[in-house]
Amino acid sequence: MEPSSNNPLSPESGNPWPLFPDQTIRERTAAELEAIPVHDRAGFWRRAAGFILDLVLLQWITFLFLLIGATAEDMAMAQTLNFGDGFSESMLEWTEIHTQIWSFLFLVYFSFFTSCGGQTPGKMALGIRVVTTDGQAVSWLRAIGRTLCYNLDVLTLGIGFLLAAVPPAKRALHDMVTGTVVVNIIKK
């Protein structure tokens, strides 16, 4: 029996996420991408909601790593934290560890999901996807660059993110630098 093109799990379906069978993905040509009406490009609020969902999920993953690390440390030292004079030093160490773990996971999380299907879990939930300006899937190198370019958005005090609200391009600063665009794959 040959796989049917209606089967969302078949390789011909063009859907890298079998859990979302109604979201078939067709790469757009450069001419189609330039001709994308403004309402087909993902807007600021939809993108912001997806990003917030991703940050919440990322924070939970970070806490999980910290919990595992704290449990391992407690087991290794066979004692609990001393809340005496060393409390502030201990909290400072945990803050530094949290920041390092979160930064690493942020880079891996956004780069991995962007390069593997163009959607983070937050983007999946809101029906948006990242593609290159010529309508192709985002490569690993471009995904890593796009994730690192979030720093430019932060350095501009958020103005880089707000550019996603400006029609007709609706592209944030990190999209402009890396040659990407976020498009709707589910109509509002």
N, C-alpha and C. Protein backbone atom coordinates (compact mmCIF):
# COMPACT_ATOMS: atom_id res chain seq x y z
N MET A 1 0.84 -1.18 0.00
CA MET A 1 0.00 0.00 0.00
C MET A 1 0.88 1.24 0.00
N GLU A 2 0.67 2.12 -0.95
CA GLU A 2 1.45 3.34 -1.06
C GLU A 2 0.90 4.40 -0.12
N PRO A 3 1.81 5.26 0.43
CA PRO A 3 1.31 6.31 1.30
C PRO A 3 0.46 7.30 0.53
N SER A 4 -0.59 7.70 1.14
CA SER A 4 -1.51 8.65 0.52
C SER A 4 -1.03 10.07 0.77
N SER A 5 -1.27 10.95 -0.19
CA SER A 5 -0.88 12.35 0.01
C SER A 5 -1.78 13.02 1.04
N ASN A 6 -2.92 12.38 1.38
CA ASN A 6 -3.80 12.94 2.41
C ASN A 6 -3.32 12.58 3.81
N ASN A 7 -2.40 11.63 3.91
CA ASN A 7 -1.88 11.21 5.19
C ASN A 7 -0.89 12.24 5.70
N PRO A 8 -1.17 12.91 6.84
CA PRO A 8 -0.27 13.95 7.32
C PRO A 8 1.07 13.41 7.79
N LEU A 9 1.19 12.10 8.02
CA LEU A 9 2.45 11.54 8.47
C LEU A 9 3.34 11.12 7.31
N SER A 10 2.83 11.18 6.10
CA SER A 10 3.63 10.79 4.94
C SER A 10 4.64 11.88 4.62
N PRO A 11 5.81 11.49 4.08
CA PRO A 11 6.83 12.51 3.78
C PRO A 11 6.38 13.51 2.74
N GLU A 12 5.42 13.13 1.89
CA GLU A 12 4.96 14.04 0.85
C GLU A 12 4.06 15.16 1.39
N SER A 13 3.62 15.04 2.62
CA SER A 13 2.68 16.03 3.15
C SER A 13 3.33 17.39 3.37
N GLY A 14 4.66 17.43 3.54
CA GLY A 14 5.33 18.70 3.76
C GLY A 14 5.15 19.24 5.16
N ASN A 15 4.67 18.43 6.08
CA ASN A 15 4.44 18.87 7.44
C ASN A 15 5.46 18.20 8.36
N PRO A 16 6.44 18.95 8.91
CA PRO A 16 7.44 18.35 9.79
C PRO A 16 6.89 18.08 11.19
N TRP A 17 5.70 18.55 11.49
CA TRP A 17 5.13 18.37 12.83
C TRP A 17 3.87 17.54 12.73
N PRO A 18 3.95 16.21 12.82
CA PRO A 18 2.77 15.37 12.64
C PRO A 18 1.68 15.58 13.68
N LEU A 19 1.99 16.25 14.77
CA LEU A 19 0.95 16.51 15.77
C LEU A 19 -0.01 17.60 15.32
N PHE A 20 0.36 18.31 14.25
CA PHE A 20 -0.48 19.38 13.73
C PHE A 20 -0.80 19.08 12.26
N PRO A 21 -1.64 18.04 12.01
CA PRO A 21 -1.86 17.58 10.64
C PRO A 21 -2.54 18.60 9.73
N ASP A 22 -3.28 19.55 10.28
CA ASP A 22 -3.98 20.50 9.43
C ASP A 22 -3.10 21.67 9.00
N GLN A 23 -1.83 21.65 9.41
CA GLN A 23 -0.93 22.74 9.09
C GLN A 23 0.08 22.30 8.03
N THR A 24 -0.37 21.98 6.84
CA THR A 24 0.57 21.63 5.79
C THR A 24 1.38 22.86 5.41
N ILE A 25 2.64 22.64 5.15
CA ILE A 25 3.55 23.75 4.88
C ILE A 25 4.02 23.65 3.45
N ARG A 26 3.81 24.69 2.69
CA ARG A 26 4.28 24.77 1.31
C ARG A 26 5.23 25.96 1.23
N GLU A 27 6.43 25.68 0.76
CA GLU A 27 7.41 26.76 0.63
C GLU A 27 6.93 27.75 -0.42
N ARG A 28 7.09 29.03 -0.15
CA ARG A 28 6.67 30.09 -1.08
C ARG A 28 7.84 30.52 -1.94
N THR A 29 7.54 30.90 -3.15
CA THR A 29 8.58 31.43 -4.02
C THR A 29 8.87 32.87 -3.62
N ALA A 30 10.00 33.41 -4.09
CA ALA A 30 10.36 34.79 -3.75
C ALA A 30 9.29 35.77 -4.21
N ALA A 31 8.72 35.54 -5.41
CA ALA A 31 7.68 36.43 -5.92
C ALA A 31 6.43 36.34 -5.05
N GLU A 32 6.10 35.13 -4.61
CA GLU A 32 4.94 34.97 -3.73
C GLU A 32 5.17 35.66 -2.40
N LEU A 33 6.40 35.56 -1.88
CA LEU A 33 6.70 36.17 -0.59
C LEU A 33 6.60 37.68 -0.67
N GLU A 34 7.10 38.28 -1.74
CA GLU A 34 6.99 39.73 -1.91
C GLU A 34 5.53 40.15 -2.09
N ALA A 35 4.73 39.24 -2.64
CA ALA A 35 3.33 39.56 -2.90
C ALA A 35 2.42 39.19 -1.73
N ILE A 36 3.01 38.72 -0.62
CA ILE A 36 2.20 38.34 0.54
C ILE A 36 1.46 39.56 1.03
N PRO A 37 0.14 39.50 1.07
CA PRO A 37 -0.61 40.62 1.62
C PRO A 37 -0.25 40.84 3.09
N VAL A 38 -0.41 42.03 3.56
CA VAL A 38 -0.07 42.37 4.93
C VAL A 38 -0.77 41.44 5.92
N HIS A 39 -2.02 41.06 5.64
CA HIS A 39 -2.74 40.22 6.59
C HIS A 39 -2.21 38.79 6.63
N ASP A 40 -1.35 38.37 5.67
CA ASP A 40 -0.76 37.04 5.71
C ASP A 40 0.57 37.02 6.46
N ARG A 41 1.13 38.19 6.72
CA ARG A 41 2.34 38.26 7.53
C ARG A 41 1.90 38.33 8.99
N ALA A 42 2.62 37.60 9.81
CA ALA A 42 2.25 37.54 11.23
C ALA A 42 2.42 38.92 11.85
N GLY A 43 1.42 39.36 12.57
CA GLY A 43 1.45 40.67 13.19
C GLY A 43 2.16 40.68 14.53
N PHE A 44 2.33 41.87 15.06
CA PHE A 44 3.07 42.06 16.30
C PHE A 44 2.47 41.30 17.46
N TRP A 45 1.16 41.41 17.69
CA TRP A 45 0.55 40.81 18.88
C TRP A 45 0.59 39.29 18.82
N ARG A 46 0.40 38.75 17.64
CA ARG A 46 0.47 37.29 17.49
C ARG A 46 1.89 36.81 17.75
N ARG A 47 2.86 37.53 17.21
CA ARG A 47 4.25 37.17 17.44
C ARG A 47 4.63 37.34 18.91
N ALA A 48 4.17 38.42 19.52
CA ALA A 48 4.48 38.67 20.93
C ALA A 48 3.89 37.58 21.82
N ALA A 49 2.66 37.17 21.55
CA ALA A 49 2.03 36.12 22.35
C ALA A 49 2.80 34.80 22.20
N GLY A 50 3.22 34.48 20.99
CA GLY A 50 4.01 33.27 20.78
C GLY A 50 5.34 33.32 21.51
N PHE A 51 5.99 34.50 21.48
CA PHE A 51 7.27 34.67 22.16
C PHE A 51 7.11 34.54 23.67
N ILE A 52 6.04 35.10 24.21
CA ILE A 52 5.78 34.99 25.66
C ILE A 52 5.53 33.54 26.04
N LEU A 53 4.76 32.82 25.24
CA LEU A 53 4.54 31.38 25.51
C LEU A 53 5.88 30.63 25.52
N ASP A 54 6.74 30.95 24.56
CA ASP A 54 8.04 30.31 24.51
C ASP A 54 8.89 30.65 25.72
N LEU A 55 8.85 31.91 26.17
CA LEU A 55 9.64 32.30 27.34
C LEU A 55 9.15 31.61 28.60
N VAL A 56 7.85 31.45 28.74
CA VAL A 56 7.31 30.74 29.91
C VAL A 56 7.77 29.28 29.89
N LEU A 57 7.66 28.64 28.74
CA LEU A 57 8.11 27.26 28.61
C LEU A 57 9.60 27.15 28.88
N LEU A 58 10.38 28.07 28.36
CA LEU A 58 11.82 28.07 28.57
C LEU A 58 12.17 28.26 30.04
N GLN A 59 11.41 29.10 30.73
CA GLN A 59 11.67 29.30 32.16
C GLN A 59 11.40 28.03 32.95
N TRP A 60 10.34 27.30 32.60
CA TRP A 60 10.05 26.03 33.27
C TRP A 60 11.15 25.01 33.01
N ILE A 61 11.65 24.97 31.81
CA ILE A 61 12.75 24.06 31.49
C ILE A 61 13.99 24.43 32.30
N THR A 62 14.27 25.72 32.43
CA THR A 62 15.41 26.19 33.21
C THR A 62 15.26 25.80 34.67
N PHE A 63 14.06 26.00 35.23
CA PHE A 63 13.84 25.61 36.63
C PHE A 63 14.02 24.11 36.81
N LEU A 64 13.63 23.33 35.82
CA LEU A 64 13.83 21.89 35.89
C LEU A 64 15.32 21.56 35.97
N PHE A 65 16.13 22.21 35.12
CA PHE A 65 17.57 22.00 35.17
C PHE A 65 18.13 22.42 36.53
N LEU A 66 17.67 23.55 37.06
CA LEU A 66 18.15 24.01 38.36
C LEU A 66 17.75 23.06 39.48
N LEU A 67 16.54 22.54 39.41
CA LEU A 67 16.07 21.59 40.41
C LEU A 67 16.92 20.32 40.40
N ILE A 68 17.21 19.84 39.20
CA ILE A 68 18.06 18.66 39.08
C ILE A 68 19.45 18.96 39.64
N GLY A 69 19.99 20.13 39.31
CA GLY A 69 21.30 20.52 39.82
C GLY A 69 21.32 20.68 41.33
N ALA A 70 20.28 21.31 41.89
CA ALA A 70 20.22 21.50 43.34
C ALA A 70 20.09 20.16 44.05
N THR A 71 19.30 19.27 43.49
CA THR A 71 19.14 17.94 44.09
C THR A 71 20.46 17.19 44.06
N ALA A 72 21.15 17.26 42.95
CA ALA A 72 22.45 16.60 42.84
C ALA A 72 23.45 17.18 43.82
N GLU A 73 23.44 18.51 43.95
CA GLU A 73 24.35 19.15 44.90
C GLU A 73 24.03 18.75 46.33
N ASP A 74 22.75 18.74 46.69
CA ASP A 74 22.35 18.33 48.03
C ASP A 74 22.74 16.89 48.32
N MET A 75 22.57 16.05 47.33
CA MET A 75 22.95 14.64 47.52
C MET A 75 24.45 14.50 47.66
N ALA A 76 25.21 15.28 46.92
CA ALA A 76 26.67 15.21 46.97
C ALA A 76 27.20 15.74 48.29
N MET A 77 26.61 16.80 48.78
CA MET A 77 27.09 17.42 50.01
C MET A 77 26.42 16.83 51.24
N ALA A 78 25.29 16.12 51.04
CA ALA A 78 24.54 15.50 52.13
C ALA A 78 24.17 16.51 53.21
N GLN A 79 23.83 17.72 52.77
CA GLN A 79 23.36 18.73 53.71
C GLN A 79 22.46 19.70 52.97
N THR A 80 21.67 20.45 53.70
CA THR A 80 20.79 21.44 53.08
C THR A 80 21.50 22.79 53.10
N LEU A 81 20.92 23.75 52.39
CA LEU A 81 21.50 25.08 52.35
C LEU A 81 21.51 25.71 53.74
N ASN A 82 22.57 26.39 54.06
CA ASN A 82 22.68 27.10 55.32
C ASN A 82 22.14 28.51 55.10
N PHE A 83 21.09 28.86 55.81
CA PHE A 83 20.48 30.17 55.64
C PHE A 83 21.05 31.20 56.60
N GLY A 84 22.29 30.99 57.03
CA GLY A 84 22.94 31.95 57.91
C GLY A 84 23.60 33.04 57.10
N ASP A 85 24.87 33.32 57.42
CA ASP A 85 25.61 34.40 56.76
C ASP A 85 25.84 34.13 55.28
N GLY A 86 25.92 32.88 54.87
CA GLY A 86 26.23 32.55 53.50
C GLY A 86 25.02 32.60 52.57
N PHE A 87 23.86 32.99 53.08
CA PHE A 87 22.65 32.96 52.26
C PHE A 87 22.76 33.87 51.04
N SER A 88 23.23 35.11 51.24
CA SER A 88 23.29 36.04 50.11
C SER A 88 24.31 35.57 49.08
N GLU A 89 25.44 34.99 49.53
CA GLU A 89 26.41 34.46 48.59
C GLU A 89 25.83 33.28 47.82
N SER A 90 25.09 32.42 48.51
CA SER A 90 24.48 31.27 47.87
C SER A 90 23.46 31.72 46.82
N MET A 91 22.66 32.71 47.13
CA MET A 91 21.66 33.20 46.19
C MET A 91 22.33 33.84 44.97
N LEU A 92 23.43 34.54 45.19
CA LEU A 92 24.16 35.14 44.08
C LEU A 92 24.71 34.06 43.15
N GLU A 93 25.24 32.98 43.73
CA GLU A 93 25.73 31.88 42.91
C GLU A 93 24.60 31.25 42.11
N TRP A 94 23.44 31.04 42.73
CA TRP A 94 22.31 30.44 42.04
C TRP A 94 21.77 31.37 40.95
N THR A 95 21.84 32.67 41.17
CA THR A 95 21.42 33.62 40.16
C THR A 95 22.35 33.56 38.94
N GLU A 96 23.64 33.48 39.19
CA GLU A 96 24.60 33.36 38.10
C GLU A 96 24.40 32.05 37.33
N ILE A 97 24.20 30.96 38.04
CA ILE A 97 23.97 29.66 37.40
C ILE A 97 22.68 29.71 36.58
N HIS A 98 21.63 30.30 37.14
CA HIS A 98 20.36 30.41 36.43
C HIS A 98 20.53 31.19 35.13
N THR A 99 21.25 32.31 35.19
CA THR A 99 21.46 33.14 34.01
C THR A 99 22.23 32.39 32.94
N GLN A 100 23.26 31.65 33.33
CA GLN A 100 24.05 30.89 32.37
C GLN A 100 23.22 29.78 31.72
N ILE A 101 22.49 29.03 32.53
CA ILE A 101 21.65 27.95 31.99
C ILE A 101 20.58 28.52 31.09
N TRP A 102 19.91 29.59 31.53
CA TRP A 102 18.83 30.18 30.75
C TRP A 102 19.35 30.69 29.41
N SER A 103 20.50 31.36 29.41
CA SER A 103 21.07 31.88 28.17
C SER A 103 21.40 30.76 27.19
N PHE A 104 21.99 29.69 27.69
CA PHE A 104 22.32 28.55 26.83
C PHE A 104 21.06 27.91 26.28
N LEU A 105 20.08 27.67 27.14
CA LEU A 105 18.84 27.05 26.69
C LEU A 105 18.07 27.94 25.72
N PHE A 106 18.11 29.25 25.93
CA PHE A 106 17.47 30.20 25.01
C PHE A 106 18.04 30.03 23.60
N LEU A 107 19.37 30.01 23.50
CA LEU A 107 20.02 29.87 22.20
C LEU A 107 19.66 28.53 21.56
N VAL A 108 19.74 27.45 22.31
CA VAL A 108 19.45 26.13 21.77
C VAL A 108 17.98 26.00 21.40
N TYR A 109 17.09 26.44 22.28
CA TYR A 109 15.64 26.30 22.08
C TYR A 109 15.19 27.02 20.82
N PHE A 110 15.49 28.31 20.71
CA PHE A 110 15.02 29.08 19.56
C PHE A 110 15.72 28.67 18.28
N SER A 111 17.02 28.38 18.34
CA SER A 111 17.74 27.97 17.13
C SER A 111 17.25 26.61 16.63
N PHE A 112 17.07 25.66 17.54
CA PHE A 112 16.63 24.33 17.14
C PHE A 112 15.25 24.37 16.49
N PHE A 113 14.29 24.96 17.18
CA PHE A 113 12.93 24.96 16.65
C PHE A 113 12.79 25.80 15.38
N THR A 114 13.54 26.90 15.29
CA THR A 114 13.46 27.73 14.09
C THR A 114 14.04 26.99 12.89
N SER A 115 15.12 26.25 13.09
CA SER A 115 15.72 25.54 11.97
C SER A 115 15.00 24.24 11.63
N CYS A 116 14.27 23.68 12.54
CA CYS A 116 13.55 22.41 12.32
C CYS A 116 12.05 22.68 12.17
N GLY A 117 11.67 23.23 11.06
CA GLY A 117 10.26 23.47 10.79
C GLY A 117 9.84 24.92 10.89
N GLY A 118 10.69 25.79 11.39
CA GLY A 118 10.38 27.21 11.44
C GLY A 118 9.41 27.62 12.52
N GLN A 119 9.11 26.71 13.45
CA GLN A 119 8.14 27.03 14.49
C GLN A 119 8.62 26.57 15.86
N THR A 120 8.61 27.48 16.81
CA THR A 120 8.78 27.11 18.20
C THR A 120 7.41 26.64 18.70
N PRO A 121 7.32 26.03 19.87
CA PRO A 121 6.00 25.65 20.38
C PRO A 121 5.03 26.83 20.48
N GLY A 122 5.52 28.01 20.83
CA GLY A 122 4.66 29.20 20.88
C GLY A 122 4.15 29.58 19.51
N LYS A 123 5.00 29.51 18.50
CA LYS A 123 4.57 29.80 17.13
C LYS A 123 3.60 28.74 16.63
N MET A 124 3.83 27.48 17.00
CA MET A 124 2.90 26.41 16.61
C MET A 124 1.51 26.69 17.17
N ALA A 125 1.46 27.08 18.44
CA ALA A 125 0.17 27.33 19.09
C ALA A 125 -0.59 28.47 18.41
N LEU A 126 0.13 29.43 17.85
CA LEU A 126 -0.51 30.60 17.24
C LEU A 126 -0.56 30.54 15.72
N GLY A 127 -0.05 29.45 15.14
CA GLY A 127 -0.15 29.27 13.70
C GLY A 127 0.70 30.21 12.88
N ILE A 128 1.94 30.44 13.33
CA ILE A 128 2.87 31.28 12.57
C ILE A 128 4.16 30.51 12.36
N ARG A 129 4.92 30.92 11.35
CA ARG A 129 6.13 30.19 10.99
C ARG A 129 7.16 31.16 10.45
N VAL A 130 8.44 30.87 10.71
CA VAL A 130 9.56 31.67 10.20
C VAL A 130 10.06 31.04 8.91
N VAL A 131 10.19 31.85 7.87
CA VAL A 131 10.80 31.43 6.61
C VAL A 131 11.81 32.50 6.19
N THR A 132 12.66 32.16 5.24
CA THR A 132 13.58 33.17 4.70
C THR A 132 12.80 34.08 3.76
N THR A 133 13.39 35.19 3.38
CA THR A 133 12.69 36.12 2.50
C THR A 133 12.46 35.55 1.11
N ASP A 134 13.20 34.51 0.76
CA ASP A 134 12.93 33.86 -0.53
C ASP A 134 12.04 32.64 -0.37
N GLY A 135 11.41 32.50 0.79
CA GLY A 135 10.41 31.45 1.02
C GLY A 135 10.94 30.10 1.39
N GLN A 136 12.22 29.99 1.71
CA GLN A 136 12.83 28.71 2.04
C GLN A 136 12.81 28.48 3.55
N ALA A 137 13.05 27.23 3.92
CA ALA A 137 13.18 26.89 5.34
C ALA A 137 14.45 27.56 5.88
N VAL A 138 14.46 27.84 7.16
CA VAL A 138 15.58 28.52 7.80
C VAL A 138 16.67 27.49 8.12
N SER A 139 17.90 27.78 7.71
CA SER A 139 19.03 26.88 7.98
C SER A 139 19.48 27.02 9.45
N TRP A 140 20.30 26.06 9.88
CA TRP A 140 20.83 26.11 11.25
C TRP A 140 21.60 27.39 11.49
N LEU A 141 22.48 27.72 10.57
CA LEU A 141 23.31 28.91 10.75
C LEU A 141 22.46 30.18 10.83
N ARG A 142 21.48 30.29 9.96
CA ARG A 142 20.60 31.46 9.97
C ARG A 142 19.76 31.48 11.25
N ALA A 143 19.32 30.30 11.71
CA ALA A 143 18.53 30.23 12.95
C ALA A 143 19.35 30.67 14.15
N ILE A 144 20.61 30.26 14.21
CA ILE A 144 21.47 30.68 15.31
C ILE A 144 21.69 32.19 15.23
N GLY A 145 21.96 32.71 14.04
CA GLY A 145 22.13 34.15 13.87
C GLY A 145 20.88 34.92 14.26
N ARG A 146 19.72 34.40 13.88
CA ARG A 146 18.46 35.06 14.22
C ARG A 146 18.27 35.12 15.73
N THR A 147 18.59 34.02 16.40
CA THR A 147 18.47 33.99 17.86
C THR A 147 19.44 34.97 18.50
N LEU A 148 20.67 35.00 18.03
CA LEU A 148 21.65 35.94 18.59
C LEU A 148 21.25 37.39 18.32
N CYS A 149 20.56 37.65 17.23
CA CYS A 149 20.14 39.01 16.88
C CYS A 149 19.01 39.53 17.78
N TYR A 150 18.42 38.66 18.61
CA TYR A 150 17.46 39.17 19.59
C TYR A 150 18.14 40.19 20.50
N ASN A 151 19.46 40.05 20.67
CA ASN A 151 20.21 41.01 21.49
C ASN A 151 20.12 42.42 20.90
N LEU A 152 20.09 42.52 19.56
CA LEU A 152 19.95 43.84 18.93
C LEU A 152 18.60 44.47 19.29
N ASP A 153 17.56 43.64 19.33
CA ASP A 153 16.24 44.15 19.71
C ASP A 153 16.25 44.67 21.14
N VAL A 154 16.95 43.97 22.01
CA VAL A 154 17.03 44.39 23.40
C VAL A 154 17.89 45.65 23.53
N LEU A 155 19.01 45.70 22.79
CA LEU A 155 19.89 46.87 22.86
C LEU A 155 19.21 48.15 22.35
N THR A 156 18.22 48.01 21.49
CA THR A 156 17.48 49.19 21.02
C THR A 156 16.29 49.49 21.92
N LEU A 157 16.33 48.95 23.13
CA LEU A 157 15.29 49.15 24.15
C LEU A 157 13.91 48.68 23.67
N GLY A 158 13.92 47.61 22.89
CA GLY A 158 12.67 47.01 22.43
C GLY A 158 12.14 47.54 21.11
N ILE A 159 12.76 48.59 20.60
CA ILE A 159 12.29 49.16 19.33
C ILE A 159 12.44 48.14 18.21
N GLY A 160 13.49 47.32 18.27
CA GLY A 160 13.69 46.28 17.27
C GLY A 160 12.53 45.31 17.20
N PHE A 161 11.95 44.98 18.36
CA PHE A 161 10.78 44.11 18.40
C PHE A 161 9.55 44.83 17.84
N LEU A 162 9.42 46.12 18.17
CA LEU A 162 8.24 46.89 17.75
C LEU A 162 8.16 47.08 16.24
N LEU A 163 9.27 46.92 15.54
CA LEU A 163 9.24 47.04 14.08
C LEU A 163 8.32 45.99 13.45
N ALA A 164 8.05 44.91 14.16
CA ALA A 164 7.14 43.88 13.66
C ALA A 164 5.71 44.40 13.57
N ALA A 165 5.43 45.53 14.18
CA ALA A 165 4.09 46.11 14.12
C ALA A 165 3.92 47.08 12.96
N VAL A 166 5.01 47.39 12.26
CA VAL A 166 4.97 48.39 11.20
C VAL A 166 4.69 47.74 9.85
N PRO A 167 3.50 48.03 9.27
CA PRO A 167 3.22 47.48 7.94
C PRO A 167 3.99 48.25 6.88
N PRO A 168 4.21 47.77 5.71
CA PRO A 168 3.75 46.49 5.21
C PRO A 168 4.71 45.35 5.52
N ALA A 169 5.96 45.65 5.91
CA ALA A 169 6.95 44.59 6.09
C ALA A 169 6.64 43.69 7.28
N LYS A 170 6.23 44.27 8.40
CA LYS A 170 5.97 43.54 9.65
C LYS A 170 7.13 42.62 9.99
N ARG A 171 8.35 43.19 9.94
CA ARG A 171 9.55 42.44 10.25
C ARG A 171 10.30 43.13 11.37
N ALA A 172 10.64 42.35 12.40
CA ALA A 172 11.43 42.87 13.51
C ALA A 172 12.87 43.05 13.04
N LEU A 173 13.66 43.73 13.86
CA LEU A 173 15.05 43.99 13.51
C LEU A 173 15.81 42.69 13.27
N HIS A 174 15.58 41.69 14.11
CA HIS A 174 16.30 40.42 13.93
C HIS A 174 15.89 39.73 12.62
N ASP A 175 14.68 39.98 12.14
CA ASP A 175 14.25 39.44 10.84
C ASP A 175 14.97 40.16 9.70
N MET A 176 15.08 41.48 9.82
CA MET A 176 15.74 42.26 8.76
C MET A 176 17.21 41.89 8.63
N VAL A 177 17.88 41.71 9.77
CA VAL A 177 19.31 41.39 9.76
C VAL A 177 19.56 40.00 9.18
N THR A 178 18.70 39.05 9.50
CA THR A 178 18.93 37.66 9.09
C THR A 178 18.17 37.24 7.84
N GLY A 179 17.39 38.13 7.26
CA GLY A 179 16.68 37.81 6.03
C GLY A 179 15.54 36.83 6.22
N THR A 180 14.78 37.01 7.29
CA THR A 180 13.64 36.13 7.56
C THR A 180 12.36 36.94 7.65
N VAL A 181 11.24 36.24 7.58
CA VAL A 181 9.93 36.85 7.75
C VAL A 181 9.05 35.82 8.45
N VAL A 182 8.13 36.29 9.28
CA VAL A 182 7.20 35.41 9.98
C VAL A 182 5.86 35.52 9.29
N VAL A 183 5.33 34.37 8.86
CA VAL A 183 4.08 34.33 8.11
C VAL A 183 3.04 33.52 8.87
N ASN A 184 1.77 33.84 8.60
CA ASN A 184 0.66 33.07 9.16
C ASN A 184 0.52 31.78 8.38
N ILE A 185 0.34 30.66 9.07
CA ILE A 185 0.00 29.42 8.39
C ILE A 185 -1.41 28.98 8.74
N ILE A 186 -1.97 29.63 9.74
CA ILE A 186 -3.37 29.43 10.10
C ILE A 186 -4.03 30.79 10.02
N LYS A 187 -5.11 30.88 9.30
CA LYS A 187 -5.81 32.16 9.17
C LYS A 187 -6.43 32.51 10.52
N LYS A 188 -6.45 33.81 10.79
CA LYS A 188 -7.00 34.31 12.06
C LYS A 188 -8.47 33.98 12.17
